[in-house]
Amino acid sequence: MSTSPTGEHHNGAAAGEPLEDKMHQIRELLFGETKRENDARLAALEARVREFEQSMHRRLEALQASIDTLAREVGNERKRSLEQLASSIGELGDKVRRISAD
């Protein structure tokens, strides 16, 4: 065991530098680079996921706008068709009445 300048024995670590700090330094030496690389990859993936979510949100909004437009167009076309059908039925009724009157 080593003796610190103050004369304390501390499991081979200097006084003021606990074993925890030594373990942290060892972990940093062994795994620090890999952890930083993984953190960078994870951050890049998270950014890509956010971009994908935003892109999907924009696409869904555009799709919803297209659906709304088509629904209005179909509704208007249906209304015009019903009006034409009603007009045609009215004309047919007029013709039937004229034929009946003769």
PDB file of N, CA and C in Angstrom:
ATOM      1  N   MET A   1       0.833  -1.174   0.000  1.00  0.00           N
ATOM      2  CA  MET A   1       0.000   0.000   0.000  1.00  0.00           C
ATOM      3  C   MET A   1       0.873   1.231   0.000  1.00  0.00           C
ATOM      4  N   SER A   2       0.367   2.264  -0.611  1.00  0.00           N
ATOM      5  CA  SER A   2       1.169   3.485  -0.643  1.00  0.00           C
ATOM      6  C   SER A   2       0.703   4.420   0.445  1.00  0.00           C
ATOM      7  N   THR A   3       1.574   5.298   0.811  1.00  0.00           N
ATOM      8  CA  THR A   3       1.262   6.264   1.848  1.00  0.00           C
ATOM      9  C   THR A   3       1.092   7.610   1.202  1.00  0.00           C
ATOM     10  N   SER A   4       0.046   8.304   1.542  1.00  0.00           N
ATOM     11  CA  SER A   4      -0.186   9.626   0.971  1.00  0.00           C
ATOM     12  C   SER A   4       0.694  10.632   1.675  1.00  0.00           C
ATOM     13  N   PRO A   5       0.801  11.820   1.083  1.00  0.00           N
ATOM     14  CA  PRO A   5       1.628  12.840   1.733  1.00  0.00           C
ATOM     15  C   PRO A   5       1.164  13.153   3.143  1.00  0.00           C
ATOM     16  N   THR A   6      -0.078  12.916   3.459  1.00  0.00           N
ATOM     17  CA  THR A   6      -0.558  13.193   4.807  1.00  0.00           C
ATOM     18  C   THR A   6      -0.374  11.996   5.704  1.00  0.00           C
ATOM     19  N   GLY A   7       0.144  10.878   5.150  1.00  0.00           N
ATOM     20  CA  GLY A   7       0.426   9.704   5.932  1.00  0.00           C
ATOM     21  C   GLY A   7      -0.732   8.722   5.984  1.00  0.00           C
ATOM     22  N   GLU A   8      -1.830   8.937   5.206  1.00  0.00           N
ATOM     23  CA  GLU A   8      -2.977   8.043   5.209  1.00  0.00           C
ATOM     24  C   GLU A   8      -2.780   6.944   4.179  1.00  0.00           C
ATOM     25  N   HIS A   9      -3.305   5.782   4.477  1.00  0.00           N
ATOM     26  CA  HIS A   9      -3.321   4.684   3.514  1.00  0.00           C
ATOM     27  C   HIS A   9      -4.678   4.714   2.826  1.00  0.00           C
ATOM     28  N   HIS A  10      -4.688   4.568   1.474  1.00  0.00           N
ATOM     29  CA  HIS A  10      -5.953   4.709   0.761  1.00  0.00           C
ATOM     30  C   HIS A  10      -6.015   3.769  -0.426  1.00  0.00           C
ATOM     31  N   ASN A  11      -5.885   2.494  -0.251  1.00  0.00           N
ATOM     32  CA  ASN A  11      -6.022   1.495  -1.307  1.00  0.00           C
ATOM     33  C   ASN A  11      -5.259   1.847  -2.575  1.00  0.00           C
ATOM     34  N   GLY A  12      -4.118   2.353  -2.511  1.00  0.00           N
ATOM     35  CA  GLY A  12      -3.300   2.646  -3.679  1.00  0.00           C
ATOM     36  C   GLY A  12      -3.647   3.953  -4.360  1.00  0.00           C
ATOM     37  N   ALA A  13      -4.664   4.627  -3.921  1.00  0.00           N
ATOM     38  CA  ALA A  13      -5.046   5.896  -4.536  1.00  0.00           C
ATOM     39  C   ALA A  13      -4.497   7.019  -3.674  1.00  0.00           C
ATOM     40  N   ALA A  14      -4.135   8.110  -4.298  1.00  0.00           N
ATOM     41  CA  ALA A  14      -3.621   9.261  -3.553  1.00  0.00           C
ATOM     42  C   ALA A  14      -4.761   9.902  -2.780  1.00  0.00           C
ATOM     43  N   ALA A  15      -4.430  10.567  -1.683  1.00  0.00           N
ATOM     44  CA  ALA A  15      -5.449  11.264  -0.904  1.00  0.00           C
ATOM     45  C   ALA A  15      -6.082  12.320  -1.782  1.00  0.00           C
ATOM     46  N   GLY A  16      -7.409  12.466  -1.688  1.00  0.00           N
ATOM     47  CA  GLY A  16      -8.094  13.455  -2.510  1.00  0.00           C
ATOM     48  C   GLY A  16      -8.473  12.900  -3.872  1.00  0.00           C
ATOM     49  N   GLU A  17      -8.032  11.708  -4.204  1.00  0.00           N
ATOM     50  CA  GLU A  17      -8.402  11.087  -5.477  1.00  0.00           C
ATOM     51  C   GLU A  17      -8.930   9.699  -5.160  1.00  0.00           C
ATOM     52  N   PRO A  18     -10.183   9.594  -4.825  1.00  0.00           N
ATOM     53  CA  PRO A  18     -10.744   8.317  -4.388  1.00  0.00           C
ATOM     54  C   PRO A  18     -10.714   7.264  -5.494  1.00  0.00           C
ATOM     55  N   LEU A  19     -10.943   6.061  -5.075  1.00  0.00           N
ATOM     56  CA  LEU A  19     -10.965   4.923  -5.989  1.00  0.00           C
ATOM     57  C   LEU A  19     -11.969   5.138  -7.119  1.00  0.00           C
ATOM     58  N   GLU A  20     -13.051   5.800  -6.808  1.00  0.00           N
ATOM     59  CA  GLU A  20     -14.088   6.086  -7.820  1.00  0.00           C
ATOM     60  C   GLU A  20     -13.506   6.869  -8.990  1.00  0.00           C
ATOM     61  N   ASP A  21     -12.708   7.877  -8.705  1.00  0.00           N
ATOM     62  CA  ASP A  21     -12.082   8.663  -9.765  1.00  0.00           C
ATOM     63  C   ASP A  21     -11.132   7.814 -10.595  1.00  0.00           C
ATOM     64  N   LYS A  22     -10.404   6.943  -9.950  1.00  0.00           N
ATOM     65  CA  LYS A  22      -9.488   6.050 -10.680  1.00  0.00           C
ATOM     66  C   LYS A  22     -10.284   5.147 -11.612  1.00  0.00           C
ATOM     67  N   MET A  23     -11.394   4.594 -11.105  1.00  0.00           N
ATOM     68  CA  MET A  23     -12.230   3.721 -11.923  1.00  0.00           C
ATOM     69  C   MET A  23     -12.795   4.495 -13.111  1.00  0.00           C
ATOM     70  N   HIS A  24     -13.188   5.732 -12.869  1.00  0.00           N
ATOM     71  CA  HIS A  24     -13.708   6.574 -13.953  1.00  0.00           C
ATOM     72  C   HIS A  24     -12.622   6.785 -15.019  1.00  0.00           C
ATOM     73  N   GLN A  25     -11.419   7.034 -14.593  1.00  0.00           N
ATOM     74  CA  GLN A  25     -10.319   7.227 -15.547  1.00  0.00           C
ATOM     75  C   GLN A  25     -10.060   5.959 -16.347  1.00  0.00           C
ATOM     76  N   ILE A  26     -10.121   4.819 -15.679  1.00  0.00           N
ATOM     77  CA  ILE A  26      -9.900   3.541 -16.373  1.00  0.00           C
ATOM     78  C   ILE A  26     -11.019   3.308 -17.383  1.00  0.00           C
ATOM     79  N   ARG A  27     -12.261   3.542 -16.955  1.00  0.00           N
ATOM     80  CA  ARG A  27     -13.391   3.393 -17.886  1.00  0.00           C
ATOM     81  C   ARG A  27     -13.246   4.329 -19.078  1.00  0.00           C
ATOM     82  N   GLU A  28     -12.835   5.538 -18.811  1.00  0.00           N
ATOM     83  CA  GLU A  28     -12.653   6.511 -19.890  1.00  0.00           C
ATOM     84  C   GLU A  28     -11.593   6.029 -20.870  1.00  0.00           C
ATOM     85  N   LEU A  29     -10.496   5.507 -20.359  1.00  0.00           N
ATOM     86  CA  LEU A  29      -9.435   4.996 -21.234  1.00  0.00           C
ATOM     87  C   LEU A  29      -9.904   3.794 -22.054  1.00  0.00           C
ATOM     88  N   LEU A  30     -10.644   2.894 -21.410  1.00  0.00           N
ATOM     89  CA  LEU A  30     -11.074   1.675 -22.098  1.00  0.00           C
ATOM     90  C   LEU A  30     -12.252   1.910 -23.038  1.00  0.00           C
ATOM     91  N   PHE A  31     -13.223   2.683 -22.582  1.00  0.00           N
ATOM     92  CA  PHE A  31     -14.485   2.777 -23.321  1.00  0.00           C
ATOM     93  C   PHE A  31     -14.853   4.184 -23.770  1.00  0.00           C
ATOM     94  N   GLY A  32     -14.065   5.164 -23.404  1.00  0.00           N
ATOM     95  CA  GLY A  32     -14.412   6.559 -23.689  1.00  0.00           C
ATOM     96  C   GLY A  32     -14.649   6.846 -25.154  1.00  0.00           C
ATOM     97  N   GLU A  33     -13.738   6.416 -25.991  1.00  0.00           N
ATOM     98  CA  GLU A  33     -13.871   6.679 -27.435  1.00  0.00           C
ATOM     99  C   GLU A  33     -15.114   6.006 -27.995  1.00  0.00           C
ATOM    100  N   THR A  34     -15.323   4.763 -27.612  1.00  0.00           N
ATOM    101  CA  THR A  34     -16.493   4.028 -28.092  1.00  0.00           C
ATOM    102  C   THR A  34     -17.778   4.701 -27.620  1.00  0.00           C
ATOM    103  N   LYS A  35     -17.798   5.132 -26.377  1.00  0.00           N
ATOM    104  CA  LYS A  35     -18.984   5.810 -25.853  1.00  0.00           C
ATOM    105  C   LYS A  35     -19.256   7.100 -26.611  1.00  0.00           C
ATOM    106  N   ARG A  36     -18.221   7.878 -26.874  1.00  0.00           N
ATOM    107  CA  ARG A  36     -18.401   9.126 -27.618  1.00  0.00           C
ATOM    108  C   ARG A  36     -18.903   8.842 -29.031  1.00  0.00           C
ATOM    109  N   GLU A  37     -18.345   7.809 -29.669  1.00  0.00           N
ATOM    110  CA  GLU A  37     -18.808   7.443 -31.017  1.00  0.00           C
ATOM    111  C   GLU A  37     -20.273   7.015 -30.977  1.00  0.00           C
ATOM    112  N   ASN A  38     -20.615   6.198 -29.995  1.00  0.00           N
ATOM    113  CA  ASN A  38     -22.007   5.753 -29.872  1.00  0.00           C
ATOM    114  C   ASN A  38     -22.944   6.921 -29.569  1.00  0.00           C
ATOM    115  N   ASP A  39     -22.503   7.837 -28.721  1.00  0.00           N
ATOM    116  CA  ASP A  39     -23.306   9.020 -28.420  1.00  0.00           C
ATOM    117  C   ASP A  39     -23.528   9.853 -29.677  1.00  0.00           C
ATOM    118  N   ALA A  40     -22.476  10.005 -30.480  1.00  0.00           N
ATOM    119  CA  ALA A  40     -22.596  10.767 -31.723  1.00  0.00           C
ATOM    120  C   ALA A  40     -23.544  10.065 -32.690  1.00  0.00           C
ATOM    121  N   ARG A  41     -23.429   8.745 -32.796  1.00  0.00           N
ATOM    122  CA  ARG A  41     -24.333   7.985 -33.675  1.00  0.00           C
ATOM    123  C   ARG A  41     -25.776   8.108 -33.203  1.00  0.00           C
ATOM    124  N   LEU A  42     -25.969   8.001 -31.906  1.00  0.00           N
ATOM    125  CA  LEU A  42     -27.308   8.106 -31.345  1.00  0.00           C
ATOM    126  C   LEU A  42     -27.889   9.496 -31.610  1.00  0.00           C
ATOM    127  N   ALA A  43     -27.098  10.521 -31.431  1.00  0.00           N
ATOM    128  CA  ALA A  43     -27.564  11.888 -31.690  1.00  0.00           C
ATOM    129  C   ALA A  43     -27.934  12.050 -33.161  1.00  0.00           C
ATOM    130  N   ALA A  44     -27.120  11.469 -34.058  1.00  0.00           N
ATOM    131  CA  ALA A  44     -27.416  11.543 -35.491  1.00  0.00           C
ATOM    132  C   ALA A  44     -28.712  10.805 -35.808  1.00  0.00           C
ATOM    133  N   LEU A  45     -28.899   9.639 -35.208  1.00  0.00           N
ATOM    134  CA  LEU A  45     -30.133   8.879 -35.425  1.00  0.00           C
ATOM    135  C   LEU A  45     -31.350   9.635 -34.899  1.00  0.00           C
ATOM    136  N   GLU A  46     -31.208  10.229 -33.731  1.00  0.00           N
ATOM    137  CA  GLU A  46     -32.313  11.001 -33.169  1.00  0.00           C
ATOM    138  C   GLU A  46     -32.656  12.178 -34.074  1.00  0.00           C
ATOM    139  N   ALA A  47     -31.653  12.824 -34.637  1.00  0.00           N
ATOM    140  CA  ALA A  47     -31.898  13.939 -35.553  1.00  0.00           C
ATOM    141  C   ALA A  47     -32.621  13.440 -36.805  1.00  0.00           C
ATOM    142  N   ARG A  48     -32.189  12.281 -37.313  1.00  0.00           N
ATOM    143  CA  ARG A  48     -32.848  11.715 -38.497  1.00  0.00           C
ATOM    144  C   ARG A  48     -34.293  11.340 -38.203  1.00  0.00           C
ATOM    145  N   VAL A  49     -34.543  10.806 -37.026  1.00  0.00           N
ATOM    146  CA  VAL A  49     -35.910  10.456 -36.644  1.00  0.00           C
ATOM    147  C   VAL A  49     -36.770  11.719 -36.566  1.00  0.00           C
ATOM    148  N   ARG A  50     -36.234  12.785 -35.969  1.00  0.00           N
ATOM    149  CA  ARG A  50     -36.983  14.049 -35.899  1.00  0.00           C
ATOM    150  C   ARG A  50     -37.275  14.576 -37.297  1.00  0.00           C
ATOM    151  N   GLU A  51     -36.283  14.529 -38.190  1.00  0.00           N
ATOM    152  CA  GLU A  51     -36.494  14.977 -39.565  1.00  0.00           C
ATOM    153  C   GLU A  51     -37.567  14.125 -40.248  1.00  0.00           C
ATOM    154  N   PHE A  52     -37.516  12.809 -40.025  1.00  0.00           N
ATOM    155  CA  PHE A  52     -38.497  11.905 -40.615  1.00  0.00           C
ATOM    156  C   PHE A  52     -39.895  12.223 -40.082  1.00  0.00           C
ATOM    157  N   GLU A  53     -40.010  12.444 -38.778  1.00  0.00           N
ATOM    158  CA  GLU A  53     -41.303  12.785 -38.185  1.00  0.00           C
ATOM    159  C   GLU A  53     -41.845  14.081 -38.786  1.00  0.00           C
ATOM    160  N   GLN A  54     -40.982  15.084 -38.925  1.00  0.00           N
ATOM    161  CA  GLN A  54     -41.411  16.355 -39.498  1.00  0.00           C
ATOM    162  C   GLN A  54     -41.834  16.171 -40.951  1.00  0.00           C
ATOM    163  N   SER A  55     -41.064  15.382 -41.689  1.00  0.00           N
ATOM    164  CA  SER A  55     -41.398  15.113 -43.083  1.00  0.00           C
ATOM    165  C   SER A  55     -42.743  14.398 -43.185  1.00  0.00           C
ATOM    166  N   MET A  56     -42.954  13.397 -42.334  1.00  0.00           N
ATOM    167  CA  MET A  56     -44.216  12.657 -42.359  1.00  0.00           C
ATOM    168  C   MET A  56     -45.376  13.572 -41.968  1.00  0.00           C
ATOM    169  N   HIS A  57     -45.140  14.451 -41.004  1.00  0.00           N
ATOM    170  CA  HIS A  57     -46.180  15.392 -40.583  1.00  0.00           C
ATOM    171  C   HIS A  57     -46.569  16.301 -41.753  1.00  0.00           C
ATOM    172  N   ARG A  58     -45.559  16.825 -42.458  1.00  0.00           N
ATOM    173  CA  ARG A  58     -45.840  17.688 -43.616  1.00  0.00           C
ATOM    174  C   ARG A  58     -46.590  16.912 -44.688  1.00  0.00           C
ATOM    175  N   ARG A  59     -46.167  15.678 -44.949  1.00  0.00           N
ATOM    176  CA  ARG A  59     -46.834  14.870 -45.969  1.00  0.00           C
ATOM    177  C   ARG A  59     -48.272  14.554 -45.590  1.00  0.00           C
ATOM    178  N   LEU A  60     -48.493  14.244 -44.324  1.00  0.00           N
ATOM    179  CA  LEU A  60     -49.856  13.954 -43.875  1.00  0.00           C
ATOM    180  C   LEU A  60     -50.745  15.190 -43.972  1.00  0.00           C
ATOM    181  N   GLU A  61     -50.184  16.341 -43.650  1.00  0.00           N
ATOM    182  CA  GLU A  61     -50.959  17.578 -43.791  1.00  0.00           C
ATOM    183  C   GLU A  61     -51.316  17.828 -45.245  1.00  0.00           C
ATOM    184  N   ALA A  62     -50.355  17.607 -46.144  1.00  0.00           N
ATOM    185  CA  ALA A  62     -50.612  17.785 -47.576  1.00  0.00           C
ATOM    186  C   ALA A  62     -51.655  16.780 -48.057  1.00  0.00           C
ATOM    187  N   LEU A  63     -51.547  15.541 -47.590  1.00  0.00           N
ATOM    188  CA  LEU A  63     -52.520  14.516 -47.961  1.00  0.00           C
ATOM    189  C   LEU A  63     -53.904  14.883 -47.447  1.00  0.00           C
ATOM    190  N   GLN A  64     -53.985  15.366 -46.218  1.00  0.00           N
ATOM    191  CA  GLN A  64     -55.279  15.770 -45.663  1.00  0.00           C
ATOM    192  C   GLN A  64     -55.863  16.922 -46.464  1.00  0.00           C
ATOM    193  N   ALA A  65     -55.033  17.870 -46.865  1.00  0.00           N
ATOM    194  CA  ALA A  65     -55.511  18.990 -47.679  1.00  0.00           C
ATOM    195  C   ALA A  65     -56.037  18.483 -49.021  1.00  0.00           C
ATOM    196  N   SER A  66     -55.341  17.522 -49.627  1.00  0.00           N
ATOM    197  CA  SER A  66     -55.797  16.949 -50.897  1.00  0.00           C
ATOM    198  C   SER A  66     -57.128  16.221 -50.725  1.00  0.00           C
ATOM    199  N   ILE A  67     -57.248  15.472 -49.643  1.00  0.00           N
ATOM    200  CA  ILE A  67     -58.494  14.753 -49.377  1.00  0.00           C
ATOM    201  C   ILE A  67     -59.637  15.740 -49.170  1.00  0.00           C
ATOM    202  N   ASP A  68     -59.382  16.806 -48.424  1.00  0.00           N
ATOM    203  CA  ASP A  68     -60.416  17.822 -48.195  1.00  0.00           C
ATOM    204  C   ASP A  68     -60.846  18.457 -49.519  1.00  0.00           C
ATOM    205  N   THR A  69     -59.883  18.769 -50.372  1.00  0.00           N
ATOM    206  CA  THR A  69     -60.186  19.363 -51.675  1.00  0.00           C
ATOM    207  C   THR A  69     -61.015  18.403 -52.522  1.00  0.00           C
ATOM    208  N   LEU A  70     -60.596  17.146 -52.571  1.00  0.00           N
ATOM    209  CA  LEU A  70     -61.344  16.147 -53.340  1.00  0.00           C
ATOM    210  C   LEU A  70     -62.755  15.961 -52.789  1.00  0.00           C
ATOM    211  N   ALA A  71     -62.886  15.966 -51.466  1.00  0.00           N
ATOM    212  CA  ALA A  71     -64.208  15.815 -50.856  1.00  0.00           C
ATOM    213  C   ALA A  71     -65.118  16.975 -51.254  1.00  0.00           C
ATOM    214  N   ARG A  72     -64.581  18.194 -51.257  1.00  0.00           N
ATOM    215  CA  ARG A  72     -65.378  19.350 -51.684  1.00  0.00           C
ATOM    216  C   ARG A  72     -65.772  19.221 -53.150  1.00  0.00           C
ATOM    217  N   GLU A  73     -64.806  18.817 -53.985  1.00  0.00           N
ATOM    218  CA  GLU A  73     -65.093  18.669 -55.417  1.00  0.00           C
ATOM    219  C   GLU A  73     -66.157  17.604 -55.658  1.00  0.00           C
ATOM    220  N   VAL A  74     -66.051  16.476 -54.973  1.00  0.00           N
ATOM    221  CA  VAL A  74     -67.036  15.408 -55.122  1.00  0.00           C
ATOM    222  C   VAL A  74     -68.402  15.877 -54.624  1.00  0.00           C
ATOM    223  N   GLY A  75     -68.409  16.587 -53.507  1.00  0.00           N
ATOM    224  CA  GLY A  75     -69.670  17.123 -52.987  1.00  0.00           C
ATOM    225  C   GLY A  75     -70.311  18.088 -53.965  1.00  0.00           C
ATOM    226  N   ASN A  76     -69.510  18.974 -54.547  1.00  0.00           N
ATOM    227  CA  ASN A  76     -70.041  19.927 -55.532  1.00  0.00           C
ATOM    228  C   ASN A  76     -70.549  19.203 -56.779  1.00  0.00           C
ATOM    229  N   GLU A  77     -69.803  18.211 -57.232  1.00  0.00           N
ATOM    230  CA  GLU A  77     -70.212  17.442 -58.412  1.00  0.00           C
ATOM    231  C   GLU A  77     -71.511  16.688 -58.127  1.00  0.00           C
ATOM    232  N   ARG A  78     -71.612  16.126 -56.946  1.00  0.00           N
ATOM    233  CA  ARG A  78     -72.843  15.409 -56.557  1.00  0.00           C
ATOM    234  C   ARG A  78     -74.026  16.366 -56.550  1.00  0.00           C
ATOM    235  N   LYS A  79     -73.811  17.556 -55.997  1.00  0.00           N
ATOM    236  CA  LYS A  79     -74.885  18.556 -55.959  1.00  0.00           C
ATOM    237  C   LYS A  79     -75.318  18.943 -57.370  1.00  0.00           C
ATOM    238  N   ARG A  80     -74.343  19.170 -58.266  1.00  0.00           N
ATOM    239  CA  ARG A  80     -74.678  19.517 -59.659  1.00  0.00           C
ATOM    240  C   ARG A  80     -75.435  18.385 -60.341  1.00  0.00           C
ATOM    241  N   SER A  81     -74.984  17.151 -60.090  1.00  0.00           N
ATOM    242  CA  SER A  81     -75.660  15.997 -60.705  1.00  0.00           C
ATOM    243  C   SER A  81     -77.096  15.879 -60.220  1.00  0.00           C
ATOM    244  N   LEU A  82     -77.308  16.067 -58.927  1.00  0.00           N
ATOM    245  CA  LEU A  82     -78.671  16.000 -58.390  1.00  0.00           C
ATOM    246  C   LEU A  82     -79.543  17.122 -58.950  1.00  0.00           C
ATOM    247  N   GLU A  83     -78.954  18.312 -59.097  1.00  0.00           N
ATOM    248  CA  GLU A  83     -79.712  19.431 -59.676  1.00  0.00           C
ATOM    249  C   GLU A  83     -80.080  19.132 -61.126  1.00  0.00           C
ATOM    250  N   GLN A  84     -79.137  18.552 -61.884  1.00  0.00           N
ATOM    251  CA  GLN A  84     -79.429  18.184 -63.279  1.00  0.00           C
ATOM    252  C   GLN A  84     -80.494  17.100 -63.337  1.00  0.00           C
ATOM    253  N   LEU A  85     -80.405  16.126 -62.447  1.00  0.00           N
ATOM    254  CA  LEU A  85     -81.391  15.055 -62.397  1.00  0.00           C
ATOM    255  C   LEU A  85     -82.775  15.613 -62.057  1.00  0.00           C
ATOM    256  N   ALA A  86     -82.830  16.513 -61.099  1.00  0.00           N
ATOM    257  CA  ALA A  86     -84.101  17.129 -60.721  1.00  0.00           C
ATOM    258  C   ALA A  86     -84.671  17.922 -61.892  1.00  0.00           C
ATOM    259  N   SER A  87     -83.803  18.643 -62.586  1.00  0.00           N
ATOM    260  CA  SER A  87     -84.250  19.415 -63.746  1.00  0.00           C
ATOM    261  C   SER A  87     -84.771  18.488 -64.833  1.00  0.00           C
ATOM    262  N   SER A  88     -84.056  17.405 -65.083  1.00  0.00           N
ATOM    263  CA  SER A  88     -84.487  16.447 -66.106  1.00  0.00           C
ATOM    264  C   SER A  88     -85.813  15.807 -65.722  1.00  0.00           C
ATOM    265  N   ILE A  89     -85.988  15.461 -64.462  1.00  0.00           N
ATOM    266  CA  ILE A  89     -87.251  14.861 -63.999  1.00  0.00           C
ATOM    267  C   ILE A  89     -88.387  15.879 -64.152  1.00  0.00           C
ATOM    268  N   GLY A  90     -88.093  17.140 -63.856  1.00  0.00           N
ATOM    269  CA  GLY A  90     -89.103  18.200 -64.036  1.00  0.00           C
ATOM    270  C   GLY A  90     -89.506  18.330 -65.498  1.00  0.00           C
ATOM    271  N   GLU A  91     -88.508  18.319 -66.379  1.00  0.00           N
ATOM    272  CA  GLU A  91     -88.792  18.416 -67.814  1.00  0.00           C
ATOM    273  C   GLU A  91     -89.604  17.206 -68.287  1.00  0.00           C
ATOM    274  N   LEU A  92     -89.236  16.018 -67.807  1.00  0.00           N
ATOM    275  CA  LEU A  92     -89.953  14.805 -68.171  1.00  0.00           C
ATOM    276  C   LEU A  92     -91.393  14.878 -67.675  1.00  0.00           C
ATOM    277  N   GLY A  93     -91.578  15.393 -66.480  1.00  0.00           N
ATOM    278  CA  GLY A  93     -92.938  15.557 -65.941  1.00  0.00           C
ATOM    279  C   GLY A  93     -93.755  16.513 -66.794  1.00  0.00           C
ATOM    280  N   ASP A  94     -93.114  17.614 -67.239  1.00  0.00           N
ATOM    281  CA  ASP A  94     -93.803  18.571 -68.108  1.00  0.00           C
ATOM    282  C   ASP A  94     -94.219  17.904 -69.410  1.00  0.00           C
ATOM    283  N   LYS A  95     -93.326  17.104 -69.991  1.00  0.00           N
ATOM    284  CA  LYS A  95     -93.631  16.414 -71.252  1.00  0.00           C
ATOM    285  C   LYS A  95     -94.777  15.427 -71.058  1.00  0.00           C
ATOM    286  N   VAL A  96     -94.753  14.695 -69.956  1.00  0.00           N
ATOM    287  CA  VAL A  96     -95.830  13.738 -69.675  1.00  0.00           C
ATOM    288  C   VAL A  96     -97.150  14.469 -69.515  1.00  0.00           C
ATOM    289  N   ARG A  97     -97.159  15.608 -68.849  1.00  0.00           N
ATOM    290  CA  ARG A  97     -98.394  16.377 -68.692  1.00  0.00           C
ATOM    291  C   ARG A  97     -98.897  16.892 -70.050  1.00  0.00           C
ATOM    292  N   ARG A  98     -97.978  17.327 -70.904  1.00  0.00           N
ATOM    293  CA  ARG A  98     -98.395  17.817 -72.227  1.00  0.00           C
ATOM    294  C   ARG A  98     -98.994  16.686 -73.055  1.00  0.00           C
ATOM    295  N   ILE A  99     -98.334  15.510 -72.962  1.00  0.00           N
ATOM    296  CA  ILE A  99     -98.847  14.369 -73.722  1.00  0.00           C
ATOM    297  C   ILE A  99    -100.224  13.968 -73.196  1.00  0.00           C
ATOM    298  N   SER A 100    -100.393  13.998 -71.890  1.00  0.00           N
ATOM    299  CA  SER A 100    -101.656  13.616 -71.257  1.00  0.00           C
ATOM    300  C   SER A 100    -102.753  14.624 -71.623  1.00  0.00           C
ATOM    301  N   ALA A 101    -102.379  15.863 -71.775  1.00  0.00           N
ATOM    302  CA  ALA A 101    -103.352  16.923 -72.063  1.00  0.00           C
ATOM    303  C   ALA A 101    -103.854  16.830 -73.498  1.00  0.00           C
ATOM    304  N   ASP A 102    -103.077  16.228 -74.366  1.00  0.00           N
ATOM    305  CA  ASP A 102    -103.485  16.161 -75.773  1.00  0.00           C
ATOM    306  C   ASP A 102    -104.550  15.196 -76.021  1.00  0.00           C
TER     307      ASP A 102
END
